[in-house]
Amino acid sequence: MRVRPYHSARSTAVHVYHEDDDCPAGRAVPWFDKVEGRQDCEPCPQCVRTATTCVDHPAVEHPASAGVS
């Protein structure tokens, strides 16, 4: 499930943001270390992979809706 972007507040953590609630790396971030936003982080590779492989994921553009405003 797509969620608002967040990343870890720890300076020692990998500098990526997460957008998928099913991402194992994102789930490993304790709630008290989560900071909302992207803050110059790269997207999490696992979140990107999940979004591109799941046809029902909101981040995937469907051919029927492509180019529709």
C-alpha atoms as a PDB file:
ATOM      1  CA  MET A   1       0.000   0.000   0.000  1.00  0.00           C
ATOM      2  CA  ARG A   2       1.355   3.389  -0.935  1.00  0.00           C
ATOM      3  CA  VAL A   3       1.953   5.744   1.989  1.00  0.00           C
ATOM      4  CA  ARG A   4       3.288   9.269   2.413  1.00  0.00           C
ATOM      5  CA  PRO A   5       7.073   9.316   1.904  1.00  0.00           C
ATOM      6  CA  TYR A   6       9.185   8.922   5.041  1.00  0.00           C
ATOM      7  CA  HIS A   7      12.797   8.258   5.962  1.00  0.00           C
ATOM      8  CA  SER A   8      14.843   7.481   9.053  1.00  0.00           C
ATOM      9  CA  ALA A   9      15.981  10.328  11.293  1.00  0.00           C
ATOM     10  CA  ARG A  10      19.188   8.476  12.186  1.00  0.00           C
ATOM     11  CA  SER A  11      22.321   9.876  10.583  1.00  0.00           C
ATOM     12  CA  THR A  12      23.758   6.348  10.358  1.00  0.00           C
ATOM     13  CA  ALA A  13      20.766   4.988   8.421  1.00  0.00           C
ATOM     14  CA  VAL A  14      20.731   4.444   4.671  1.00  0.00           C
ATOM     15  CA  HIS A  15      19.687   7.751   3.073  1.00  0.00           C
ATOM     16  CA  VAL A  16      16.561   6.521   1.242  1.00  0.00           C
ATOM     17  CA  TYR A  17      12.884   7.306   1.554  1.00  0.00           C
ATOM     18  CA  HIS A  18      10.062   4.773   1.610  1.00  0.00           C
ATOM     19  CA  GLU A  19       6.616   5.029  -0.002  1.00  0.00           C
ATOM     20  CA  ASP A  20       5.324   1.487   0.345  1.00  0.00           C
ATOM     21  CA  ASP A  21       3.903   0.059   3.566  1.00  0.00           C
ATOM     22  CA  ASP A  22       4.892  -3.466   2.495  1.00  0.00           C
ATOM     23  CA  CYS A  23       8.600  -2.609   2.185  1.00  0.00           C
ATOM     24  CA  PRO A  24      10.641  -4.728   4.644  1.00  0.00           C
ATOM     25  CA  ALA A  25      13.324  -2.045   5.000  1.00  0.00           C
ATOM     26  CA  GLY A  26      10.702   0.618   5.679  1.00  0.00           C
ATOM     27  CA  ARG A  27       8.989  -1.579   8.251  1.00  0.00           C
ATOM     28  CA  ALA A  28      12.325  -1.985  10.040  1.00  0.00           C
ATOM     29  CA  VAL A  29      12.447   1.776  10.756  1.00  0.00           C
ATOM     30  CA  PRO A  30      11.118   2.250  14.308  1.00  0.00           C
ATOM     31  CA  TRP A  31       8.118   4.589  14.569  1.00  0.00           C
ATOM     32  CA  PHE A  32      10.118   7.034  16.683  1.00  0.00           C
ATOM     33  CA  ASP A  33      12.793   7.337  13.962  1.00  0.00           C
ATOM     34  CA  LYS A  34      10.382   7.996  11.092  1.00  0.00           C
ATOM     35  CA  VAL A  35      10.431  11.487   9.596  1.00  0.00           C
ATOM     36  CA  GLU A  36       7.862  12.473   6.991  1.00  0.00           C
ATOM     37  CA  GLY A  37       9.160  13.572   3.601  1.00  0.00           C
ATOM     38  CA  ARG A  38      11.902  12.817   1.105  1.00  0.00           C
ATOM     39  CA  GLN A  39      14.507  15.350   2.327  1.00  0.00           C
ATOM     40  CA  ASP A  40      17.047  14.859  -0.507  1.00  0.00           C
ATOM     41  CA  CYS A  41      16.934  11.067  -0.118  1.00  0.00           C
ATOM     42  CA  GLU A  42      16.982   8.579  -2.973  1.00  0.00           C
ATOM     43  CA  PRO A  43      13.910   6.348  -3.403  1.00  0.00           C
ATOM     44  CA  CYS A  44      14.140   2.969  -1.704  1.00  0.00           C
ATOM     45  CA  PRO A  45      14.910   0.314  -4.356  1.00  0.00           C
ATOM     46  CA  GLN A  46      12.478  -2.148  -2.742  1.00  0.00           C
ATOM     47  CA  CYS A  47       9.628   0.400  -2.791  1.00  0.00           C
ATOM     48  CA  VAL A  48      10.356   1.162  -6.458  1.00  0.00           C
ATOM     49  CA  ARG A  49      10.428  -2.563  -7.295  1.00  0.00           C
ATOM     50  CA  THR A  50       7.113  -3.130  -5.515  1.00  0.00           C
ATOM     51  CA  ALA A  51       5.463  -0.232  -7.324  1.00  0.00           C
ATOM     52  CA  THR A  52       6.580  -1.427 -10.759  1.00  0.00           C
ATOM     53  CA  THR A  53       5.668  -5.107 -10.259  1.00  0.00           C
ATOM     54  CA  CYS A  54       2.238  -4.628  -8.689  1.00  0.00           C
ATOM     55  CA  VAL A  55      -0.351  -3.664 -11.308  1.00  0.00           C
ATOM     56  CA  ASP A  56      -2.749  -2.450  -8.620  1.00  0.00           C
ATOM     57  CA  HIS A  57      -0.171  -0.154  -7.009  1.00  0.00           C
ATOM     58  CA  PRO A  58      -1.231   3.521  -7.211  1.00  0.00           C
ATOM     59  CA  ALA A  59       2.208   4.548  -8.504  1.00  0.00           C
ATOM     60  CA  VAL A  60       1.819   2.413 -11.625  1.00  0.00           C
ATOM     61  CA  GLU A  61       0.325   4.266 -14.569  1.00  0.00           C
ATOM     62  CA  HIS A  62      -2.269   2.163 -16.334  1.00  0.00           C
ATOM     63  CA  PRO A  63      -2.528   2.360 -20.145  1.00  0.00           C
ATOM     64  CA  ALA A  64      -6.220   3.336 -19.945  1.00  0.00           C
ATOM     65  CA  SER A  65      -5.400   6.370 -17.810  1.00  0.00           C
ATOM     66  CA  ALA A  66      -2.216   7.413 -19.643  1.00  0.00           C
ATOM     67  CA  GLY A  67      -2.514  10.882 -21.042  1.00  0.00           C
ATOM     68  CA  VAL A  68      -5.892  11.534 -19.404  1.00  0.00           C
ATOM     69  CA  SER A  69      -6.149  14.827 -17.552  1.00  0.00           C
END
